[in-house]
Structures are given as structure tokens and as C-alpha cells.
Amino acid sequence: MSLSDDLPPPRRPLFFPVVIATTFLSIIGISAGILLANERDRREALNPVNNTPAIVDSPAAPDPSPSLDGEPCRPETLDAAANAGYPGPLVIVLHLRTKSSDVYICRDASDQLFYHADNGGEDQWIEGETALFLAGVERRSDDYLATANDGTTLSVTKKRLVVTHRDGGKETQAAIG
């Protein structure tokens, strides 16, 4: 028996695997940092933070809000708008009178459009019974489109009102006067 038979087998140093593992983890960490920075930049581009300097040496920008020149909307419309959280003022964009309806399209200073119609006669504007107020009216190329909570749509032009019910039934009311 020799002296070398009593010795344990030689151990390989751990240096090389540790260097590889450290390098691999460093690459993962750097990659994760780059991905997180890119995600932060993307979010900031979508939701910019106000980074304007405290002192700006430029002329004041013109007020982008549209003019509210025009005839004010009916008091009933102003009341209905205020009750719905739109305090006004509102001006008339379009007024349509049919045999059975009196329809107004109005807008506010932020250019938001509103529909308000009544079928109870001049003295009968009772919101929820004879009158209907809707916000979120859409201006399209040839009409104004309002959508009621039940899915009914109301298309308004100077010449007619088209009511399309949820079941697909349509009713057209021509302008009078």
C-alpha cells in the first residue's frame, strides 16, 4: 500500500463555476434593469409627468377652449345638465321641432355635446317623464348621435329625428316649421 492510497482524491477548485454563475447572474440583473427602465420610459411617455421648468420665457398660449357664442340653452336643459354634473353654461348648437318632439343639441365650453328633448309640449318639460337629457353626444359627419341608457339611439339633423330602439325598430320624425 502506498501513501497516495490513503489520501482523498484531489478536489477541483470552485473558482471557475463561481465565476460563471456570477457572470450569468450579472447578465440577468443588467437585462432586468434595462427592461424595467424601458417600461418606466414607456409609461412616462403614455402619462407624462409635468417636467416644465419653474420659469418659462415664452408668450402665454391662447385659450384652447371654444367660444360659447350663441343662444343659451333652455332653463330646463341647464337644470338637467347641472343635476347630471355639468354646470354649464350651455349654448344651442341645433334645435329641431317635430310634430311630437322638441329637440336641442347643446354644447359647453369644453365642446362636450348634450341632447335634450321633450314630447310633452312647451309647458310640460318634466325630466324623466316627458323630457330626456343625455350627455356624451357624438358629432358625426351628417348628424348628432345620442345613446340612451337602454341602448336606444337618437340621430338628429336639422331635418329629422330618427329613433332606433334596442329591438331594431325605427321611428323617423320630420322637422316642422
C-alpha atoms as a PDB file:
ATOM      1  CA  MET A   1       0.000   0.000   0.000  1.00  0.00           C
ATOM      2  CA  SER A   2       1.260   3.377  -0.843  1.00  0.00           C
ATOM      3  CA  LEU A   3       0.893   6.722   0.799  1.00  0.00           C
ATOM      4  CA  SER A   4      -1.244   8.036  -2.040  1.00  0.00           C
ATOM      5  CA  ASP A   5      -3.838   5.329  -1.398  1.00  0.00           C
ATOM      6  CA  ASP A   6      -4.692   6.905   1.970  1.00  0.00           C
ATOM      7  CA  LEU A   7      -5.253  10.407   0.588  1.00  0.00           C
ATOM      8  CA  PRO A   8      -8.661  11.541  -0.620  1.00  0.00           C
ATOM      9  CA  PRO A   9      -8.977  12.299  -4.320  1.00  0.00           C
ATOM     10  CA  PRO A  10      -7.911  15.850  -5.233  1.00  0.00           C
ATOM     11  CA  ARG A  11     -10.718  18.458  -5.174  1.00  0.00           C
ATOM     12  CA  ARG A  12     -11.233  20.768  -8.071  1.00  0.00           C
ATOM     13  CA  PRO A  13     -11.253  24.410  -7.172  1.00  0.00           C
ATOM     14  CA  LEU A  14     -14.703  26.116  -7.144  1.00  0.00           C
ATOM     15  CA  PHE A  15     -13.312  29.230  -8.699  1.00  0.00           C
ATOM     16  CA  PHE A  16     -14.361  28.521 -12.293  1.00  0.00           C
ATOM     17  CA  PRO A  17     -18.054  27.599 -11.597  1.00  0.00           C
ATOM     18  CA  VAL A  18     -18.414  30.588  -9.244  1.00  0.00           C
ATOM     19  CA  VAL A  19     -17.140  32.964 -11.928  1.00  0.00           C
ATOM     20  CA  ILE A  20     -19.578  31.521 -14.470  1.00  0.00           C
ATOM     21  CA  ALA A  21     -22.520  31.753 -12.041  1.00  0.00           C
ATOM     22  CA  THR A  22     -21.611  35.325 -11.072  1.00  0.00           C
ATOM     23  CA  THR A  23     -21.327  36.360 -14.713  1.00  0.00           C
ATOM     24  CA  PHE A  24     -24.633  34.708 -15.557  1.00  0.00           C
ATOM     25  CA  LEU A  25     -26.431  36.410 -12.634  1.00  0.00           C
ATOM     26  CA  SER A  26     -24.888  39.765 -13.589  1.00  0.00           C
ATOM     27  CA  ILE A  27     -26.213  39.431 -17.134  1.00  0.00           C
ATOM     28  CA  ILE A  28     -29.693  38.603 -15.809  1.00  0.00           C
ATOM     29  CA  GLY A  29     -29.582  41.592 -13.441  1.00  0.00           C
ATOM     30  CA  ILE A  30     -28.445  44.007 -16.153  1.00  0.00           C
ATOM     31  CA  SER A  31     -31.124  42.702 -18.534  1.00  0.00           C
ATOM     32  CA  ALA A  32     -33.832  43.101 -15.890  1.00  0.00           C
ATOM     33  CA  GLY A  33     -32.629  46.656 -15.180  1.00  0.00           C
ATOM     34  CA  ILE A  34     -32.762  47.570 -18.862  1.00  0.00           C
ATOM     35  CA  LEU A  35     -36.264  46.085 -19.218  1.00  0.00           C
ATOM     36  CA  LEU A  36     -37.509  47.966 -16.148  1.00  0.00           C
ATOM     37  CA  ALA A  37     -36.013  51.238 -17.399  1.00  0.00           C
ATOM     38  CA  ASN A  38     -37.655  50.742 -20.801  1.00  0.00           C
ATOM     39  CA  GLU A  39     -41.013  50.021 -19.134  1.00  0.00           C
ATOM     40  CA  ARG A  40     -40.666  53.168 -16.993  1.00  0.00           C
ATOM     41  CA  ASP A  41     -39.855  55.247 -20.088  1.00  0.00           C
ATOM     42  CA  ARG A  42     -42.879  53.788 -21.914  1.00  0.00           C
ATOM     43  CA  ARG A  43     -45.188  54.594 -19.006  1.00  0.00           C
ATOM     44  CA  GLU A  44     -43.831  58.119 -18.738  1.00  0.00           C
ATOM     45  CA  ALA A  45     -44.436  58.607 -22.459  1.00  0.00           C
ATOM     46  CA  LEU A  46     -48.053  57.498 -22.025  1.00  0.00           C
ATOM     47  CA  ASN A  47     -48.583  59.504 -18.816  1.00  0.00           C
ATOM     48  CA  PRO A  48     -46.117  62.370 -18.950  1.00  0.00           C
ATOM     49  CA  VAL A  49     -45.138  63.922 -15.662  1.00  0.00           C
ATOM     50  CA  ASN A  50     -45.166  67.680 -15.573  1.00  0.00           C
ATOM     51  CA  ASN A  51     -41.475  68.403 -16.089  1.00  0.00           C
ATOM     52  CA  THR A  52     -41.863  72.040 -17.083  1.00  0.00           C
ATOM     53  CA  PRO A  53     -39.290  74.375 -15.631  1.00  0.00           C
ATOM     54  CA  ALA A  54     -40.365  76.776 -12.919  1.00  0.00           C
ATOM     55  CA  ILE A  55     -39.713  79.811 -15.129  1.00  0.00           C
ATOM     56  CA  VAL A  56     -40.832  79.731 -18.734  1.00  0.00           C
ATOM     57  CA  ASP A  57     -39.733  82.517 -21.036  1.00  0.00           C
ATOM     58  CA  SER A  58     -42.434  82.197 -23.695  1.00  0.00           C
ATOM     59  CA  PRO A  59     -45.628  84.053 -24.512  1.00  0.00           C
ATOM     60  CA  ALA A  60     -48.841  82.795 -22.984  1.00  0.00           C
ATOM     61  CA  ALA A  61     -50.600  80.140 -25.040  1.00  0.00           C
ATOM     62  CA  PRO A  62     -54.035  81.068 -26.356  1.00  0.00           C
ATOM     63  CA  ASP A  63     -57.025  79.595 -24.548  1.00  0.00           C
ATOM     64  CA  PRO A  64     -57.896  76.406 -26.456  1.00  0.00           C
ATOM     65  CA  SER A  65     -61.498  76.310 -25.212  1.00  0.00           C
ATOM     66  CA  PRO A  66     -64.067  77.043 -27.890  1.00  0.00           C
ATOM     67  CA  SER A  67     -66.141  80.173 -27.845  1.00  0.00           C
ATOM     68  CA  LEU A  68     -69.562  79.985 -26.254  1.00  0.00           C
ATOM     69  CA  ASP A  69     -71.123  82.460 -28.629  1.00  0.00           C
ATOM     70  CA  GLY A  70     -74.705  81.600 -29.316  1.00  0.00           C
ATOM     71  CA  GLU A  71     -78.115  81.414 -27.772  1.00  0.00           C
ATOM     72  CA  PRO A  72     -78.179  79.885 -24.286  1.00  0.00           C
ATOM     73  CA  CYS A  73     -79.966  76.558 -23.915  1.00  0.00           C
ATOM     74  CA  ARG A  74     -83.367  76.333 -22.271  1.00  0.00           C
ATOM     75  CA  PRO A  75     -83.505  76.712 -18.484  1.00  0.00           C
ATOM     76  CA  GLU A  76     -84.800  73.118 -18.303  1.00  0.00           C
ATOM     77  CA  THR A  77     -81.690  71.930 -20.152  1.00  0.00           C
ATOM     78  CA  LEU A  78     -79.387  73.938 -17.893  1.00  0.00           C
ATOM     79  CA  ASP A  79     -81.121  72.436 -14.831  1.00  0.00           C
ATOM     80  CA  ALA A  80     -80.927  68.875 -16.220  1.00  0.00           C
ATOM     81  CA  ALA A  81     -77.233  69.366 -17.069  1.00  0.00           C
ATOM     82  CA  ALA A  82     -76.445  70.734 -13.610  1.00  0.00           C
ATOM     83  CA  ASN A  83     -78.284  67.796 -11.991  1.00  0.00           C
ATOM     84  CA  ALA A  84     -76.162  65.420 -14.110  1.00  0.00           C
ATOM     85  CA  GLY A  85     -72.923  67.132 -13.020  1.00  0.00           C
ATOM     86  CA  TYR A  86     -72.432  69.504 -15.974  1.00  0.00           C
ATOM     87  CA  PRO A  87     -72.808  73.012 -14.536  1.00  0.00           C
ATOM     88  CA  GLY A  88     -72.760  74.882 -17.840  1.00  0.00           C
ATOM     89  CA  PRO A  89     -73.075  77.336 -19.367  1.00  0.00           C
ATOM     90  CA  LEU A  90     -74.526  75.641 -22.453  1.00  0.00           C
ATOM     91  CA  VAL A  91     -75.382  77.099 -25.849  1.00  0.00           C
ATOM     92  CA  ILE A  92     -77.674  75.769 -28.558  1.00  0.00           C
ATOM     93  CA  VAL A  93     -75.958  74.018 -31.459  1.00  0.00           C
ATOM     94  CA  LEU A  94     -79.110  72.636 -33.091  1.00  0.00           C
ATOM     95  CA  HIS A  95     -82.830  72.957 -32.439  1.00  0.00           C
ATOM     96  CA  LEU A  96     -85.311  70.629 -34.129  1.00  0.00           C
ATOM     97  CA  ARG A  97     -89.060  70.725 -33.708  1.00  0.00           C
ATOM     98  CA  THR A  98     -91.104  67.786 -34.963  1.00  0.00           C
ATOM     99  CA  LYS A  99     -94.813  67.025 -34.660  1.00  0.00           C
ATOM    100  CA  SER A 100     -94.246  65.278 -31.336  1.00  0.00           C
ATOM    101  CA  SER A 101     -90.782  66.344 -30.084  1.00  0.00           C
ATOM    102  CA  ASP A 102     -88.773  69.443 -29.282  1.00  0.00           C
ATOM    103  CA  VAL A 103     -85.068  68.516 -29.548  1.00  0.00           C
ATOM    104  CA  TYR A 104     -81.995  70.537 -28.577  1.00  0.00           C
ATOM    105  CA  ILE A 105     -78.331  69.741 -29.075  1.00  0.00           C
ATOM    106  CA  CYS A 106     -76.254  71.943 -26.782  1.00  0.00           C
ATOM    107  CA  ARG A 107     -72.547  72.255 -26.014  1.00  0.00           C
ATOM    108  CA  ASP A 108     -70.454  73.508 -23.138  1.00  0.00           C
ATOM    109  CA  ALA A 109     -67.159  75.420 -23.034  1.00  0.00           C
ATOM    110  CA  SER A 110     -65.155  72.166 -23.340  1.00  0.00           C
ATOM    111  CA  ASP A 111     -67.022  71.373 -26.578  1.00  0.00           C
ATOM    112  CA  GLN A 112     -68.922  68.478 -24.988  1.00  0.00           C
ATOM    113  CA  LEU A 113     -72.335  67.895 -26.598  1.00  0.00           C
ATOM    114  CA  PHE A 114     -75.677  67.197 -24.931  1.00  0.00           C
ATOM    115  CA  TYR A 115     -79.092  66.023 -26.152  1.00  0.00           C
ATOM    116  CA  HIS A 116     -82.275  67.274 -24.517  1.00  0.00           C
ATOM    117  CA  ALA A 117     -85.719  66.568 -25.888  1.00  0.00           C
ATOM    118  CA  ASP A 118     -89.304  66.799 -24.715  1.00  0.00           C
ATOM    119  CA  ASN A 119     -92.529  65.354 -26.042  1.00  0.00           C
ATOM    120  CA  GLY A 120     -94.902  66.864 -23.513  1.00  0.00           C
ATOM    121  CA  GLY A 121     -95.460  70.261 -25.090  1.00  0.00           C
ATOM    122  CA  GLU A 122     -93.879  73.660 -24.398  1.00  0.00           C
ATOM    123  CA  ASP A 123     -95.066  73.833 -20.775  1.00  0.00           C
ATOM    124  CA  GLN A 124     -94.531  70.181 -19.867  1.00  0.00           C
ATOM    125  CA  TRP A 125     -90.742  69.687 -19.552  1.00  0.00           C
ATOM    126  CA  ILE A 126     -90.672  67.056 -16.794  1.00  0.00           C
ATOM    127  CA  GLU A 127     -87.307  65.297 -16.706  1.00  0.00           C
ATOM    128  CA  GLY A 128     -87.651  61.517 -16.698  1.00  0.00           C
ATOM    129  CA  GLU A 129     -91.305  61.654 -17.804  1.00  0.00           C
ATOM    130  CA  THR A 130     -91.708  63.900 -20.850  1.00  0.00           C
ATOM    131  CA  ALA A 131     -88.087  65.038 -21.205  1.00  0.00           C
ATOM    132  CA  LEU A 132     -84.820  63.178 -21.768  1.00  0.00           C
ATOM    133  CA  PHE A 133     -81.332  64.608 -21.123  1.00  0.00           C
ATOM    134  CA  LEU A 134     -78.246  62.758 -22.425  1.00  0.00           C
ATOM    135  CA  ALA A 135     -74.566  63.626 -22.234  1.00  0.00           C
ATOM    136  CA  GLY A 136     -71.845  62.257 -24.490  1.00  0.00           C
ATOM    137  CA  VAL A 137     -73.452  63.153 -27.804  1.00  0.00           C
ATOM    138  CA  GLU A 138     -71.284  62.331 -30.801  1.00  0.00           C
ATOM    139  CA  ARG A 139     -70.931  64.765 -33.720  1.00  0.00           C
ATOM    140  CA  ARG A 140     -70.766  62.732 -36.905  1.00  0.00           C
ATOM    141  CA  SER A 141     -70.384  63.904 -40.496  1.00  0.00           C
ATOM    142  CA  ASP A 142     -74.092  64.499 -41.108  1.00  0.00           C
ATOM    143  CA  ASP A 143     -75.836  64.180 -37.737  1.00  0.00           C
ATOM    144  CA  TYR A 144     -75.588  64.166 -33.954  1.00  0.00           C
ATOM    145  CA  LEU A 145     -75.911  60.774 -32.259  1.00  0.00           C
ATOM    146  CA  ALA A 146     -77.084  60.327 -28.681  1.00  0.00           C
ATOM    147  CA  THR A 147     -77.414  56.973 -26.943  1.00  0.00           C
ATOM    148  CA  ALA A 148     -79.808  56.380 -24.063  1.00  0.00           C
ATOM    149  CA  ASN A 149     -79.055  54.044 -21.151  1.00  0.00           C
ATOM    150  CA  ASP A 150     -81.355  51.358 -22.600  1.00  0.00           C
ATOM    151  CA  GLY A 151     -79.422  51.323 -25.900  1.00  0.00           C
ATOM    152  CA  THR A 152     -81.873  53.429 -27.889  1.00  0.00           C
ATOM    153  CA  THR A 153     -80.069  55.766 -30.290  1.00  0.00           C
ATOM    154  CA  LEU A 154     -81.272  59.171 -31.392  1.00  0.00           C
ATOM    155  CA  SER A 155     -79.915  60.629 -34.637  1.00  0.00           C
ATOM    156  CA  VAL A 156     -80.622  64.346 -35.041  1.00  0.00           C
ATOM    157  CA  THR A 157     -80.245  66.657 -38.055  1.00  0.00           C
ATOM    158  CA  LYS A 158     -81.933  69.945 -38.964  1.00  0.00           C
ATOM    159  CA  LYS A 159     -84.476  67.991 -40.989  1.00  0.00           C
ATOM    160  CA  ARG A 160     -85.329  64.941 -38.875  1.00  0.00           C
ATOM    161  CA  LEU A 161     -85.045  62.844 -35.721  1.00  0.00           C
ATOM    162  CA  VAL A 162     -84.523  59.092 -36.119  1.00  0.00           C
ATOM    163  CA  VAL A 163     -85.111  56.978 -33.007  1.00  0.00           C
ATOM    164  CA  THR A 164     -83.670  53.456 -33.257  1.00  0.00           C
ATOM    165  CA  HIS A 165     -84.894  51.207 -30.461  1.00  0.00           C
ATOM    166  CA  ARG A 166     -82.907  48.306 -28.996  1.00  0.00           C
ATOM    167  CA  ASP A 167     -85.101  45.807 -30.843  1.00  0.00           C
ATOM    168  CA  GLY A 168     -84.134  47.455 -34.160  1.00  0.00           C
ATOM    169  CA  GLY A 169     -87.410  49.276 -34.684  1.00  0.00           C
ATOM    170  CA  LYS A 170     -87.022  52.756 -36.169  1.00  0.00           C
ATOM    171  CA  GLU A 171     -89.177  55.807 -35.954  1.00  0.00           C
ATOM    172  CA  THR A 172     -88.486  58.902 -38.051  1.00  0.00           C
ATOM    173  CA  GLN A 173     -89.891  62.294 -37.149  1.00  0.00           C
ATOM    174  CA  ALA A 174     -89.645  65.007 -39.788  1.00  0.00           C
ATOM    175  CA  ALA A 175     -88.979  68.654 -38.948  1.00  0.00           C
ATOM    176  CA  ILE A 176     -91.891  71.067 -38.946  1.00  0.00           C
ATOM    177  CA  GLY A 177     -91.932  74.812 -39.408  1.00  0.00           C
END
